[in-house]
Amino acid sequence: MKDIENYKLLRVQESLQRLDLALSSLESVADKVDAQVKAATGTVGTAAAEAAAIQEKLDRLTQDHGTLKETANRVATRLDQAIGRLSATLQD
């Protein structure tokens, strides 16, 4: 009877060891997946921040372009007027 009990105890201990190894393996995989998720999330967050910064720069450049275009139109108009006055003066 003692032999049967020892045998059962030994089998239980072996099963516990296998379970412990399996649990360690699962925890290791879970840690790796967690690290990958965190890295991916960080990358997405960084990309979103970069996209926002690029959009902000684009908005500023668009505004600057509009201002420069208005200024160029005013300068062209003034130059045309000055050329017109010079032409009229030379014709007189």
C-alpha atoms as a PDB file:
ATOM      1  CA  MET A   1       0.000   0.000   0.000  1.00  0.00           C
ATOM      2  CA  LYS A   2       2.854   2.329   0.786  1.00  0.00           C
ATOM      3  CA  ASP A   3       4.312   1.645  -2.659  1.00  0.00           C
ATOM      4  CA  ILE A   4       1.089   2.720  -4.350  1.00  0.00           C
ATOM      5  CA  GLU A   5       0.928   5.886  -2.257  1.00  0.00           C
ATOM      6  CA  ASN A   6       4.572   6.685  -3.024  1.00  0.00           C
ATOM      7  CA  TYR A   7       3.942   6.045  -6.703  1.00  0.00           C
ATOM      8  CA  LYS A   8       0.925   8.359  -6.684  1.00  0.00           C
ATOM      9  CA  LEU A   9       2.880  11.022  -4.799  1.00  0.00           C
ATOM     10  CA  LEU A  10       5.734  10.750  -7.271  1.00  0.00           C
ATOM     11  CA  ARG A  11       3.300  11.132 -10.208  1.00  0.00           C
ATOM     12  CA  VAL A  12       1.695  14.157  -8.575  1.00  0.00           C
ATOM     13  CA  GLN A  13       5.109  15.736  -8.005  1.00  0.00           C
ATOM     14  CA  GLU A  14       6.101  15.087 -11.636  1.00  0.00           C
ATOM     15  CA  SER A  15       2.826  16.594 -12.824  1.00  0.00           C
ATOM     16  CA  LEU A  16       3.410  19.643 -10.646  1.00  0.00           C
ATOM     17  CA  GLN A  17       6.890  20.062 -12.122  1.00  0.00           C
ATOM     18  CA  ARG A  18       5.511  19.838 -15.670  1.00  0.00           C
ATOM     19  CA  LEU A  19       2.811  22.349 -14.774  1.00  0.00           C
ATOM     20  CA  ASP A  20       5.427  24.663 -13.286  1.00  0.00           C
ATOM     21  CA  LEU A  21       7.510  24.456 -16.486  1.00  0.00           C
ATOM     22  CA  ALA A  22       4.445  25.092 -18.638  1.00  0.00           C
ATOM     23  CA  LEU A  23       3.463  28.051 -16.490  1.00  0.00           C
ATOM     24  CA  SER A  24       6.976  29.498 -16.726  1.00  0.00           C
ATOM     25  CA  SER A  25       6.883  29.085 -20.479  1.00  0.00           C
ATOM     26  CA  LEU A  26       3.499  30.794 -20.719  1.00  0.00           C
ATOM     27  CA  GLU A  27       4.672  33.665 -18.525  1.00  0.00           C
ATOM     28  CA  SER A  28       7.741  34.099 -20.707  1.00  0.00           C
ATOM     29  CA  VAL A  29       5.632  34.234 -23.862  1.00  0.00           C
ATOM     30  CA  ALA A  30       3.198  36.652 -22.203  1.00  0.00           C
ATOM     31  CA  ASP A  31       6.092  38.941 -21.229  1.00  0.00           C
ATOM     32  CA  LYS A  32       7.411  38.905 -24.798  1.00  0.00           C
ATOM     33  CA  VAL A  33       3.985  39.687 -26.226  1.00  0.00           C
ATOM     34  CA  ASP A  34       3.502  42.452 -23.673  1.00  0.00           C
ATOM     35  CA  ALA A  35       6.855  43.967 -24.633  1.00  0.00           C
ATOM     36  CA  GLN A  36       5.938  43.790 -28.317  1.00  0.00           C
ATOM     37  CA  VAL A  37       2.581  45.439 -27.686  1.00  0.00           C
ATOM     38  CA  LYS A  38       4.233  48.206 -25.669  1.00  0.00           C
ATOM     39  CA  ALA A  39       6.829  48.735 -28.408  1.00  0.00           C
ATOM     40  CA  ALA A  40       4.130  48.839 -31.076  1.00  0.00           C
ATOM     41  CA  THR A  41       2.037  51.226 -29.018  1.00  0.00           C
ATOM     42  CA  GLY A  42       5.056  53.454 -28.493  1.00  0.00           C
ATOM     43  CA  THR A  43       5.767  53.417 -32.205  1.00  0.00           C
ATOM     44  CA  VAL A  44       2.186  54.323 -33.016  1.00  0.00           C
ATOM     45  CA  GLY A  45       2.260  57.098 -30.430  1.00  0.00           C
ATOM     46  CA  THR A  46       5.508  58.429 -31.843  1.00  0.00           C
ATOM     47  CA  ALA A  47       4.162  58.253 -35.383  1.00  0.00           C
ATOM     48  CA  ALA A  48       1.018  60.101 -34.336  1.00  0.00           C
ATOM     49  CA  ALA A  49       3.086  62.810 -32.655  1.00  0.00           C
ATOM     50  CA  GLU A  50       5.284  63.117 -35.754  1.00  0.00           C
ATOM     51  CA  ALA A  51       2.204  63.314 -37.979  1.00  0.00           C
ATOM     52  CA  ALA A  52       0.762  66.063 -35.794  1.00  0.00           C
ATOM     53  CA  ALA A  53       4.039  67.993 -35.930  1.00  0.00           C
ATOM     54  CA  ILE A  54       4.204  67.611 -39.713  1.00  0.00           C
ATOM     55  CA  GLN A  55       0.586  68.761 -40.041  1.00  0.00           C
ATOM     56  CA  GLU A  56       1.372  71.798 -37.892  1.00  0.00           C
ATOM     57  CA  LYS A  57       4.370  72.659 -40.078  1.00  0.00           C
ATOM     58  CA  LEU A  58       2.267  72.182 -43.205  1.00  0.00           C
ATOM     59  CA  ASP A  59      -0.395  74.522 -41.822  1.00  0.00           C
ATOM     60  CA  ARG A  60       2.244  77.170 -41.059  1.00  0.00           C
ATOM     61  CA  LEU A  61       3.814  76.781 -44.501  1.00  0.00           C
ATOM     62  CA  THR A  62       0.404  77.047 -46.157  1.00  0.00           C
ATOM     63  CA  GLN A  63      -0.303  80.217 -44.214  1.00  0.00           C
ATOM     64  CA  ASP A  64       3.133  81.624 -45.098  1.00  0.00           C
ATOM     65  CA  HIS A  65       2.567  80.725 -48.748  1.00  0.00           C
ATOM     66  CA  GLY A  66      -0.753  82.590 -48.729  1.00  0.00           C
ATOM     67  CA  THR A  67       0.877  85.646 -47.171  1.00  0.00           C
ATOM     68  CA  LEU A  68       3.755  85.575 -49.664  1.00  0.00           C
ATOM     69  CA  LYS A  69       1.320  85.200 -52.561  1.00  0.00           C
ATOM     70  CA  GLU A  70      -0.655  88.255 -51.409  1.00  0.00           C
ATOM     71  CA  THR A  71       2.564  90.234 -51.016  1.00  0.00           C
ATOM     72  CA  ALA A  72       3.773  89.176 -54.470  1.00  0.00           C
ATOM     73  CA  ASN A  73       0.440  90.262 -55.984  1.00  0.00           C
ATOM     74  CA  ARG A  74       0.688  93.681 -54.289  1.00  0.00           C
ATOM     75  CA  VAL A  75       4.284  94.110 -55.470  1.00  0.00           C
ATOM     76  CA  ALA A  76       3.325  93.094 -59.033  1.00  0.00           C
ATOM     77  CA  THR A  77       0.430  95.571 -59.013  1.00  0.00           C
ATOM     78  CA  ARG A  78       2.665  98.367 -57.741  1.00  0.00           C
ATOM     79  CA  LEU A  79       5.338  97.538 -60.315  1.00  0.00           C
ATOM     80  CA  ASP A  80       2.744  97.564 -63.102  1.00  0.00           C
ATOM     81  CA  GLN A  81       1.516 100.952 -61.908  1.00  0.00           C
ATOM     82  CA  ALA A  82       5.065 102.323 -61.712  1.00  0.00           C
ATOM     83  CA  ILE A  83       5.849 101.013 -65.210  1.00  0.00           C
ATOM     84  CA  GLY A  84       2.615 102.545 -66.487  1.00  0.00           C
ATOM     85  CA  ARG A  85       3.511 105.932 -65.001  1.00  0.00           C
ATOM     86  CA  LEU A  86       7.050 105.732 -66.404  1.00  0.00           C
ATOM     87  CA  SER A  87       5.709 104.828 -69.845  1.00  0.00           C
ATOM     88  CA  ALA A  88       3.255 107.728 -69.709  1.00  0.00           C
ATOM     89  CA  THR A  89       6.003 110.117 -68.618  1.00  0.00           C
ATOM     90  CA  LEU A  90       8.334 108.968 -71.412  1.00  0.00           C
ATOM     91  CA  GLN A  91       5.585 109.362 -74.032  1.00  0.00           C
ATOM     92  CA  ASP A  92       4.973 112.973 -73.004  1.00  0.00           C
END
